Amino acid sequence: MPAVSALTPDDVINQPARAQFEAFLDQHRAMLEACLDGLTEEQARRSLVRSRTTLLGLVKHAAFVEKVWFDEAITGRSRAEIGIPATPDESFILGGQDTIASIRNAYRQACEASRQAASGLDLDDEVKGNRRGPLPLRWVYLHMIREIAQHCGHADILREQILNG
């Protein structure tokens, strides 16, 4: 398996758009996973808001999102075929078998599968397996950067509450 790029967004300022998208997305992926660093299982599962959102649930949801956009959208396979929940809300639900280690591992695997799935496509290639209809891969990257960055913000706030509360 190829290693995650060590390039940061600053390293790719003058690089092609694809390298920039991948650097930003990988940085946000790493930041989201890092929200679990040093936490106990109880802290990672702690519910601080009225929704199903927890730190562990955010990372589990992010693995779901990777599969929606880089498996379902690219291959056209159904969520049932992929083995993921039917709705985003369900992707936050934690089972008894979900641990920091297992969710981290699942997230890393999902991210690597996403990299592999996109590697043979150009930014202007259309993916056809999304409910919106055909979308250029460029849009998928931009959507994923927005999605993971948003969840990094959620994670920052939750983690601050857990560690300082």
N, C-alpha and C. Protein backbone atom coordinates (compact mmCIF):
# COMPACT_ATOMS: atom_id res chain seq x y z
N MET A 1 0.83 -1.18 0.00
CA MET A 1 0.00 0.00 0.00
C MET A 1 0.87 1.24 0.00
N PRO A 2 0.58 2.20 -0.89
CA PRO A 2 1.36 3.42 -0.88
C PRO A 2 1.16 4.21 0.41
N ALA A 3 2.19 4.89 0.82
CA ALA A 3 2.10 5.70 2.04
C ALA A 3 1.35 6.99 1.72
N VAL A 4 0.76 7.57 2.75
CA VAL A 4 0.10 8.86 2.62
C VAL A 4 1.17 9.89 2.29
N SER A 5 0.85 10.79 1.40
CA SER A 5 1.80 11.83 1.03
C SER A 5 2.17 12.66 2.24
N ALA A 6 3.44 12.98 2.34
CA ALA A 6 3.91 13.85 3.42
C ALA A 6 3.84 15.31 3.00
N LEU A 7 3.33 15.56 1.80
CA LEU A 7 3.23 16.92 1.30
C LEU A 7 2.14 17.68 2.05
N THR A 8 2.46 18.90 2.40
CA THR A 8 1.47 19.78 3.02
C THR A 8 0.94 20.72 1.96
N PRO A 9 -0.16 21.41 2.23
CA PRO A 9 -0.65 22.39 1.26
C PRO A 9 0.42 23.43 0.87
N ASP A 10 1.28 23.82 1.78
CA ASP A 10 2.34 24.77 1.44
C ASP A 10 3.33 24.19 0.45
N ASP A 11 3.50 22.88 0.46
CA ASP A 11 4.44 22.23 -0.45
C ASP A 11 3.94 22.20 -1.90
N VAL A 12 2.66 22.39 -2.09
CA VAL A 12 2.08 22.21 -3.43
C VAL A 12 1.49 23.51 -4.00
N ILE A 13 1.91 24.63 -3.48
CA ILE A 13 1.36 25.91 -3.94
C ILE A 13 1.45 26.05 -5.46
N ASN A 14 2.55 25.67 -6.05
CA ASN A 14 2.74 25.83 -7.49
C ASN A 14 2.60 24.52 -8.25
N GLN A 15 1.96 23.55 -7.63
CA GLN A 15 1.76 22.25 -8.27
C GLN A 15 0.40 22.22 -8.97
N PRO A 16 0.16 21.21 -9.80
CA PRO A 16 -1.16 21.08 -10.44
C PRO A 16 -2.27 20.94 -9.40
N ALA A 17 -3.49 21.26 -9.83
CA ALA A 17 -4.65 21.24 -8.93
C ALA A 17 -4.80 19.89 -8.23
N ARG A 18 -4.58 18.80 -8.93
CA ARG A 18 -4.75 17.47 -8.33
C ARG A 18 -3.86 17.31 -7.11
N ALA A 19 -2.61 17.70 -7.22
CA ALA A 19 -1.69 17.60 -6.08
C ALA A 19 -2.16 18.48 -4.93
N GLN A 20 -2.69 19.65 -5.25
CA GLN A 20 -3.20 20.55 -4.22
C GLN A 20 -4.41 19.93 -3.52
N PHE A 21 -5.36 19.41 -4.29
CA PHE A 21 -6.54 18.79 -3.69
C PHE A 21 -6.15 17.64 -2.78
N GLU A 22 -5.24 16.80 -3.25
CA GLU A 22 -4.85 15.63 -2.46
C GLU A 22 -4.12 16.05 -1.19
N ALA A 23 -3.28 17.07 -1.28
CA ALA A 23 -2.55 17.52 -0.08
C ALA A 23 -3.51 18.09 0.96
N PHE A 24 -4.45 18.93 0.52
CA PHE A 24 -5.43 19.49 1.46
C PHE A 24 -6.29 18.39 2.07
N LEU A 25 -6.78 17.48 1.23
CA LEU A 25 -7.65 16.41 1.75
C LEU A 25 -6.89 15.51 2.71
N ASP A 26 -5.67 15.13 2.36
CA ASP A 26 -4.90 14.26 3.26
C ASP A 26 -4.57 14.97 4.58
N GLN A 27 -4.31 16.27 4.53
CA GLN A 27 -4.04 16.99 5.77
C GLN A 27 -5.29 16.99 6.66
N HIS A 28 -6.44 17.22 6.09
CA HIS A 28 -7.67 17.21 6.88
C HIS A 28 -8.00 15.81 7.39
N ARG A 29 -7.76 14.80 6.57
CA ARG A 29 -7.97 13.42 7.03
C ARG A 29 -7.12 13.15 8.27
N ALA A 30 -5.86 13.52 8.20
CA ALA A 30 -4.95 13.29 9.33
C ALA A 30 -5.38 14.08 10.56
N MET A 31 -5.82 15.31 10.35
CA MET A 31 -6.26 16.14 11.48
C MET A 31 -7.49 15.53 12.15
N LEU A 32 -8.42 15.02 11.34
CA LEU A 32 -9.61 14.42 11.93
C LEU A 32 -9.26 13.17 12.72
N GLU A 33 -8.44 12.33 12.15
CA GLU A 33 -8.04 11.12 12.88
C GLU A 33 -7.32 11.48 14.18
N ALA A 34 -6.53 12.54 14.15
CA ALA A 34 -5.76 12.95 15.34
C ALA A 34 -6.65 13.42 16.48
N CYS A 35 -7.92 13.69 16.22
CA CYS A 35 -8.80 14.12 17.30
C CYS A 35 -8.94 13.03 18.36
N LEU A 36 -8.58 11.80 18.02
CA LEU A 36 -8.68 10.68 18.97
C LEU A 36 -7.40 10.47 19.78
N ASP A 37 -6.34 11.19 19.43
CA ASP A 37 -5.05 11.01 20.10
C ASP A 37 -5.17 11.23 21.61
N GLY A 38 -4.67 10.28 22.37
CA GLY A 38 -4.57 10.42 23.82
C GLY A 38 -5.87 10.30 24.58
N LEU A 39 -6.97 9.98 23.91
CA LEU A 39 -8.26 9.87 24.59
C LEU A 39 -8.50 8.46 25.10
N THR A 40 -9.29 8.36 26.15
CA THR A 40 -9.76 7.06 26.59
C THR A 40 -10.95 6.66 25.72
N GLU A 41 -11.32 5.41 25.79
CA GLU A 41 -12.48 4.95 25.02
C GLU A 41 -13.74 5.72 25.46
N GLU A 42 -13.85 5.96 26.75
CA GLU A 42 -15.02 6.69 27.25
C GLU A 42 -15.03 8.11 26.70
N GLN A 43 -13.89 8.78 26.71
CA GLN A 43 -13.84 10.14 26.19
C GLN A 43 -14.19 10.19 24.70
N ALA A 44 -13.70 9.24 23.94
CA ALA A 44 -13.95 9.21 22.50
C ALA A 44 -15.42 8.98 22.19
N ARG A 45 -16.13 8.30 23.08
CA ARG A 45 -17.55 8.00 22.90
C ARG A 45 -18.47 9.02 23.57
N ARG A 46 -17.90 9.93 24.33
CA ARG A 46 -18.71 10.86 25.12
C ARG A 46 -19.60 11.73 24.24
N SER A 47 -20.85 11.78 24.61
CA SER A 47 -21.83 12.59 23.88
C SER A 47 -21.99 13.93 24.58
N LEU A 48 -21.74 15.00 23.83
CA LEU A 48 -21.82 16.35 24.39
C LEU A 48 -22.86 17.21 23.70
N VAL A 49 -23.46 16.68 22.65
CA VAL A 49 -24.47 17.42 21.90
C VAL A 49 -25.70 16.53 21.71
N ARG A 50 -26.79 17.13 21.29
CA ARG A 50 -28.05 16.39 21.19
C ARG A 50 -28.07 15.38 20.04
N SER A 51 -27.21 15.56 19.07
CA SER A 51 -27.16 14.62 17.94
C SER A 51 -26.33 13.39 18.34
N ARG A 52 -26.12 12.51 17.40
CA ARG A 52 -25.31 11.31 17.63
C ARG A 52 -23.81 11.59 17.55
N THR A 53 -23.44 12.83 17.42
CA THR A 53 -22.04 13.19 17.19
C THR A 53 -21.19 13.00 18.44
N THR A 54 -20.16 12.18 18.28
CA THR A 54 -19.10 12.00 19.28
C THR A 54 -17.79 12.03 18.49
N LEU A 55 -16.68 12.13 19.18
CA LEU A 55 -15.41 12.12 18.45
C LEU A 55 -15.22 10.80 17.70
N LEU A 56 -15.48 9.69 18.36
CA LEU A 56 -15.33 8.40 17.69
C LEU A 56 -16.34 8.27 16.55
N GLY A 57 -17.54 8.76 16.77
CA GLY A 57 -18.56 8.73 15.73
C GLY A 57 -18.20 9.60 14.53
N LEU A 58 -17.53 10.72 14.76
CA LEU A 58 -17.10 11.57 13.65
C LEU A 58 -16.13 10.84 12.73
N VAL A 59 -15.19 10.13 13.33
CA VAL A 59 -14.21 9.41 12.51
C VAL A 59 -14.89 8.24 11.81
N LYS A 60 -15.82 7.58 12.50
CA LYS A 60 -16.57 6.49 11.85
C LYS A 60 -17.39 7.05 10.69
N HIS A 61 -18.02 8.18 10.89
CA HIS A 61 -18.78 8.82 9.82
C HIS A 61 -17.87 9.20 8.66
N ALA A 62 -16.68 9.68 8.94
CA ALA A 62 -15.74 10.06 7.88
C ALA A 62 -15.36 8.85 7.03
N ALA A 63 -15.24 7.67 7.63
CA ALA A 63 -14.97 6.45 6.85
C ALA A 63 -16.15 6.16 5.93
N PHE A 64 -17.36 6.36 6.43
CA PHE A 64 -18.57 6.21 5.62
C PHE A 64 -18.54 7.17 4.43
N VAL A 65 -18.21 8.42 4.69
CA VAL A 65 -18.18 9.45 3.65
C VAL A 65 -17.16 9.09 2.57
N GLU A 66 -16.01 8.59 2.98
CA GLU A 66 -15.00 8.15 2.00
C GLU A 66 -15.60 7.08 1.08
N LYS A 67 -16.33 6.16 1.66
CA LYS A 67 -16.91 5.07 0.85
C LYS A 67 -18.04 5.57 -0.04
N VAL A 68 -18.80 6.55 0.43
CA VAL A 68 -19.87 7.11 -0.40
C VAL A 68 -19.27 7.79 -1.63
N TRP A 69 -18.22 8.58 -1.43
CA TRP A 69 -17.71 9.40 -2.53
C TRP A 69 -16.66 8.72 -3.39
N PHE A 70 -15.93 7.77 -2.84
CA PHE A 70 -14.89 7.15 -3.64
C PHE A 70 -15.17 5.68 -3.97
N ASP A 71 -16.27 5.15 -3.49
CA ASP A 71 -16.70 3.82 -3.90
C ASP A 71 -18.06 3.93 -4.58
N GLU A 72 -19.09 4.29 -3.83
CA GLU A 72 -20.42 4.40 -4.41
C GLU A 72 -20.43 5.32 -5.64
N ALA A 73 -19.88 6.51 -5.52
CA ALA A 73 -19.93 7.48 -6.62
C ALA A 73 -19.09 7.02 -7.82
N ILE A 74 -17.95 6.40 -7.56
CA ILE A 74 -17.08 5.99 -8.66
C ILE A 74 -17.53 4.67 -9.27
N THR A 75 -17.86 3.68 -8.45
CA THR A 75 -18.19 2.35 -8.98
C THR A 75 -19.67 2.17 -9.29
N GLY A 76 -20.51 2.97 -8.65
CA GLY A 76 -21.95 2.80 -8.81
C GLY A 76 -22.52 1.69 -7.96
N ARG A 77 -21.69 1.07 -7.10
CA ARG A 77 -22.19 0.03 -6.20
C ARG A 77 -23.12 0.67 -5.17
N SER A 78 -24.11 -0.08 -4.75
CA SER A 78 -25.04 0.43 -3.73
C SER A 78 -24.38 0.42 -2.37
N ARG A 79 -24.96 1.17 -1.45
CA ARG A 79 -24.45 1.18 -0.07
C ARG A 79 -24.55 -0.20 0.56
N ALA A 80 -25.61 -0.93 0.23
CA ALA A 80 -25.77 -2.29 0.75
C ALA A 80 -24.63 -3.18 0.24
N GLU A 81 -24.27 -3.04 -1.04
CA GLU A 81 -23.17 -3.83 -1.60
C GLU A 81 -21.84 -3.48 -0.93
N ILE A 82 -21.66 -2.21 -0.64
CA ILE A 82 -20.42 -1.75 -0.01
C ILE A 82 -20.37 -2.16 1.46
N GLY A 83 -21.56 -2.30 2.07
CA GLY A 83 -21.63 -2.66 3.48
C GLY A 83 -21.61 -1.46 4.40
N ILE A 84 -22.21 -0.37 3.95
CA ILE A 84 -22.26 0.85 4.77
C ILE A 84 -23.72 1.21 5.03
N PRO A 85 -23.96 2.03 6.06
CA PRO A 85 -25.34 2.43 6.37
C PRO A 85 -26.02 3.13 5.20
N ALA A 86 -27.33 3.12 5.22
CA ALA A 86 -28.11 3.75 4.16
C ALA A 86 -28.11 5.26 4.25
N THR A 87 -27.94 5.80 5.47
CA THR A 87 -28.01 7.25 5.65
C THR A 87 -26.79 7.77 6.41
N PRO A 88 -26.44 9.03 6.20
CA PRO A 88 -25.33 9.61 6.96
C PRO A 88 -25.56 9.55 8.47
N ASP A 89 -26.79 9.82 8.92
CA ASP A 89 -27.07 9.82 10.36
C ASP A 89 -26.73 8.47 11.00
N GLU A 90 -27.05 7.39 10.30
CA GLU A 90 -26.76 6.06 10.83
C GLU A 90 -25.26 5.79 10.94
N SER A 91 -24.47 6.49 10.15
CA SER A 91 -23.02 6.23 10.14
C SER A 91 -22.33 6.69 11.42
N PHE A 92 -23.01 7.47 12.25
CA PHE A 92 -22.45 7.93 13.52
C PHE A 92 -22.68 6.92 14.65
N ILE A 93 -23.53 5.93 14.43
CA ILE A 93 -23.90 4.99 15.49
C ILE A 93 -22.71 4.09 15.82
N LEU A 94 -22.39 4.03 17.09
CA LEU A 94 -21.27 3.21 17.56
C LEU A 94 -21.79 1.90 18.11
N GLY A 95 -21.17 0.82 17.69
CA GLY A 95 -21.49 -0.49 18.23
C GLY A 95 -20.52 -0.86 19.33
N GLY A 96 -20.81 -1.92 20.04
CA GLY A 96 -19.95 -2.37 21.13
C GLY A 96 -18.55 -2.76 20.66
N GLN A 97 -18.43 -3.16 19.41
CA GLN A 97 -17.13 -3.58 18.86
C GLN A 97 -16.29 -2.39 18.39
N ASP A 98 -16.88 -1.21 18.35
CA ASP A 98 -16.17 -0.02 17.87
C ASP A 98 -15.26 0.51 18.97
N THR A 99 -13.98 0.56 18.66
CA THR A 99 -12.98 1.10 19.57
C THR A 99 -12.17 2.15 18.82
N ILE A 100 -11.38 2.89 19.55
CA ILE A 100 -10.50 3.86 18.90
C ILE A 100 -9.63 3.15 17.87
N ALA A 101 -9.05 2.04 18.23
CA ALA A 101 -8.17 1.32 17.30
C ALA A 101 -8.93 0.80 16.09
N SER A 102 -10.11 0.23 16.29
CA SER A 102 -10.83 -0.34 15.16
C SER A 102 -11.36 0.74 14.21
N ILE A 103 -11.82 1.84 14.77
CA ILE A 103 -12.33 2.93 13.93
C ILE A 103 -11.18 3.61 13.19
N ARG A 104 -10.05 3.80 13.86
CA ARG A 104 -8.88 4.37 13.17
C ARG A 104 -8.46 3.48 12.02
N ASN A 105 -8.40 2.20 12.26
CA ASN A 105 -8.00 1.26 11.22
C ASN A 105 -8.98 1.30 10.05
N ALA A 106 -10.27 1.29 10.35
CA ALA A 106 -11.28 1.35 9.29
C ALA A 106 -11.17 2.66 8.50
N TYR A 107 -10.90 3.75 9.19
CA TYR A 107 -10.77 5.04 8.51
C TYR A 107 -9.54 5.06 7.62
N ARG A 108 -8.42 4.58 8.12
CA ARG A 108 -7.20 4.53 7.30
C ARG A 108 -7.41 3.67 6.06
N GLN A 109 -8.07 2.53 6.24
CA GLN A 109 -8.34 1.66 5.10
C GLN A 109 -9.27 2.34 4.09
N ALA A 110 -10.28 3.03 4.58
CA ALA A 110 -11.21 3.73 3.68
C ALA A 110 -10.49 4.83 2.91
N CYS A 111 -9.61 5.57 3.58
CA CYS A 111 -8.87 6.63 2.91
C CYS A 111 -7.93 6.06 1.85
N GLU A 112 -7.27 4.97 2.17
CA GLU A 112 -6.38 4.35 1.19
C GLU A 112 -7.17 3.81 0.00
N ALA A 113 -8.32 3.20 0.26
CA ALA A 113 -9.17 2.72 -0.83
C ALA A 113 -9.63 3.90 -1.70
N SER A 114 -9.91 5.04 -1.07
CA SER A 114 -10.30 6.23 -1.83
C SER A 114 -9.17 6.69 -2.73
N ARG A 115 -7.96 6.73 -2.20
CA ARG A 115 -6.80 7.14 -3.01
C ARG A 115 -6.65 6.22 -4.21
N GLN A 116 -6.78 4.92 -3.96
CA GLN A 116 -6.64 3.94 -5.05
C GLN A 116 -7.75 4.11 -6.09
N ALA A 117 -8.98 4.30 -5.64
CA ALA A 117 -10.11 4.42 -6.55
C ALA A 117 -9.98 5.64 -7.45
N ALA A 118 -9.45 6.73 -6.92
CA ALA A 118 -9.32 7.96 -7.69
C ALA A 118 -8.04 8.02 -8.52
N SER A 119 -7.09 7.17 -8.22
CA SER A 119 -5.78 7.28 -8.86
C SER A 119 -5.81 7.12 -10.37
N GLY A 120 -6.73 6.37 -10.90
CA GLY A 120 -6.79 6.17 -12.34
C GLY A 120 -7.67 7.16 -13.07
N LEU A 121 -8.19 8.13 -12.35
CA LEU A 121 -9.11 9.10 -12.95
C LEU A 121 -8.46 10.48 -13.03
N ASP A 122 -8.89 11.25 -14.00
CA ASP A 122 -8.50 12.65 -14.11
C ASP A 122 -9.55 13.51 -13.42
N LEU A 123 -9.18 14.72 -13.06
CA LEU A 123 -10.11 15.61 -12.36
C LEU A 123 -11.38 15.89 -13.15
N ASP A 124 -11.29 15.88 -14.46
CA ASP A 124 -12.47 16.16 -15.28
C ASP A 124 -13.27 14.91 -15.62
N ASP A 125 -12.79 13.73 -15.24
CA ASP A 125 -13.56 12.51 -15.45
C ASP A 125 -14.82 12.55 -14.61
N GLU A 126 -15.91 12.04 -15.16
CA GLU A 126 -17.17 12.03 -14.43
C GLU A 126 -17.35 10.73 -13.67
N VAL A 127 -17.82 10.86 -12.44
CA VAL A 127 -18.24 9.69 -11.66
C VAL A 127 -19.76 9.67 -11.75
N LYS A 128 -20.31 8.50 -11.90
CA LYS A 128 -21.73 8.41 -12.24
C LYS A 128 -22.61 7.82 -11.15
N GLY A 129 -22.04 7.41 -10.03
CA GLY A 129 -22.81 6.70 -9.02
C GLY A 129 -23.39 7.55 -7.91
N ASN A 130 -23.55 8.84 -8.14
CA ASN A 130 -24.12 9.71 -7.10
C ASN A 130 -25.55 10.07 -7.45
N ARG A 131 -26.37 10.27 -6.43
CA ARG A 131 -27.78 10.60 -6.64
C ARG A 131 -27.99 11.88 -7.42
N ARG A 132 -26.98 12.76 -7.43
CA ARG A 132 -27.08 14.03 -8.17
C ARG A 132 -26.92 13.82 -9.67
N GLY A 133 -26.43 12.65 -10.05
CA GLY A 133 -26.10 12.38 -11.44
C GLY A 133 -24.60 12.49 -11.64
N PRO A 134 -24.14 12.46 -12.87
CA PRO A 134 -22.70 12.52 -13.14
C PRO A 134 -22.07 13.79 -12.58
N LEU A 135 -20.91 13.60 -11.94
CA LEU A 135 -20.16 14.71 -11.35
C LEU A 135 -18.70 14.57 -11.73
N PRO A 136 -18.00 15.66 -11.97
CA PRO A 136 -16.56 15.54 -12.22
C PRO A 136 -15.83 15.19 -10.92
N LEU A 137 -14.77 14.42 -11.05
CA LEU A 137 -13.97 14.05 -9.88
C LEU A 137 -13.50 15.30 -9.14
N ARG A 138 -13.24 16.36 -9.86
CA ARG A 138 -12.84 17.63 -9.24
C ARG A 138 -13.86 18.07 -8.17
N TRP A 139 -15.15 17.95 -8.47
CA TRP A 139 -16.20 18.32 -7.53
C TRP A 139 -16.17 17.40 -6.30
N VAL A 140 -15.90 16.13 -6.53
CA VAL A 140 -15.83 15.17 -5.41
C VAL A 140 -14.71 15.58 -4.46
N TYR A 141 -13.54 15.90 -5.01
CA TYR A 141 -12.44 16.35 -4.15
C TYR A 141 -12.83 17.60 -3.36
N LEU A 142 -13.41 18.58 -4.04
CA LEU A 142 -13.79 19.81 -3.34
C LEU A 142 -14.83 19.53 -2.26
N HIS A 143 -15.79 18.69 -2.56
CA HIS A 143 -16.80 18.33 -1.56
C HIS A 143 -16.16 17.64 -0.37
N MET A 144 -15.25 16.72 -0.63
CA MET A 144 -14.60 15.99 0.47
C MET A 144 -13.73 16.90 1.32
N ILE A 145 -13.03 17.83 0.70
CA ILE A 145 -12.23 18.79 1.48
C ILE A 145 -13.15 19.58 2.40
N ARG A 146 -14.27 20.05 1.86
CA ARG A 146 -15.24 20.80 2.68
C ARG A 146 -15.79 19.94 3.81
N GLU A 147 -16.20 18.72 3.48
CA GLU A 147 -16.82 17.82 4.46
C GLU A 147 -15.86 17.50 5.60
N ILE A 148 -14.66 17.08 5.27
CA ILE A 148 -13.71 16.68 6.31
C ILE A 148 -13.24 17.89 7.11
N ALA A 149 -13.06 19.03 6.46
CA ALA A 149 -12.68 20.25 7.19
C ALA A 149 -13.77 20.64 8.19
N GLN A 150 -15.02 20.54 7.76
CA GLN A 150 -16.14 20.85 8.65
C GLN A 150 -16.11 19.94 9.88
N HIS A 151 -15.87 18.67 9.65
CA HIS A 151 -15.84 17.73 10.78
C HIS A 151 -14.60 17.94 11.67
N CYS A 152 -13.53 18.43 11.09
CA CYS A 152 -12.37 18.79 11.92
C CYS A 152 -12.75 19.90 12.89
N GLY A 153 -13.53 20.86 12.44
CA GLY A 153 -14.00 21.92 13.33
C GLY A 153 -14.89 21.38 14.43
N HIS A 154 -15.80 20.48 14.07
CA HIS A 154 -16.63 19.85 15.10
C HIS A 154 -15.75 19.13 16.12
N ALA A 155 -14.78 18.39 15.61
CA ALA A 155 -13.90 17.61 16.49
C ALA A 155 -13.10 18.52 17.42
N ASP A 156 -12.61 19.64 16.91
CA ASP A 156 -11.85 20.58 17.75
C ASP A 156 -12.68 21.03 18.94
N ILE A 157 -13.93 21.38 18.68
CA ILE A 157 -14.80 21.88 19.76
C ILE A 157 -15.11 20.77 20.76
N LEU A 158 -15.45 19.59 20.27
CA LEU A 158 -15.76 18.47 21.18
C LEU A 158 -14.55 18.09 22.02
N ARG A 159 -13.40 18.02 21.36
CA ARG A 159 -12.17 17.63 22.08
C ARG A 159 -11.84 18.66 23.16
N GLU A 160 -11.98 19.93 22.83
CA GLU A 160 -11.73 20.98 23.83
C GLU A 160 -12.67 20.82 25.02
N GLN A 161 -13.92 20.53 24.78
CA GLN A 161 -14.88 20.34 25.87
C GLN A 161 -14.51 19.11 26.71
N ILE A 162 -14.08 18.06 26.07
CA ILE A 162 -13.73 16.84 26.80
C ILE A 162 -12.49 17.05 27.65
N LEU A 163 -11.48 17.66 27.08
CA LEU A 163 -10.20 17.80 27.79
C LEU A 163 -10.21 18.91 28.83
N ASN A 164 -11.07 19.89 28.65
CA ASN A 164 -11.10 21.02 29.57
C ASN A 164 -12.35 21.07 30.44
N GLY A 165 -13.19 20.05 30.30
CA GLY A 165 -14.46 20.08 31.00
C GLY A 165 -14.51 19.38 32.27
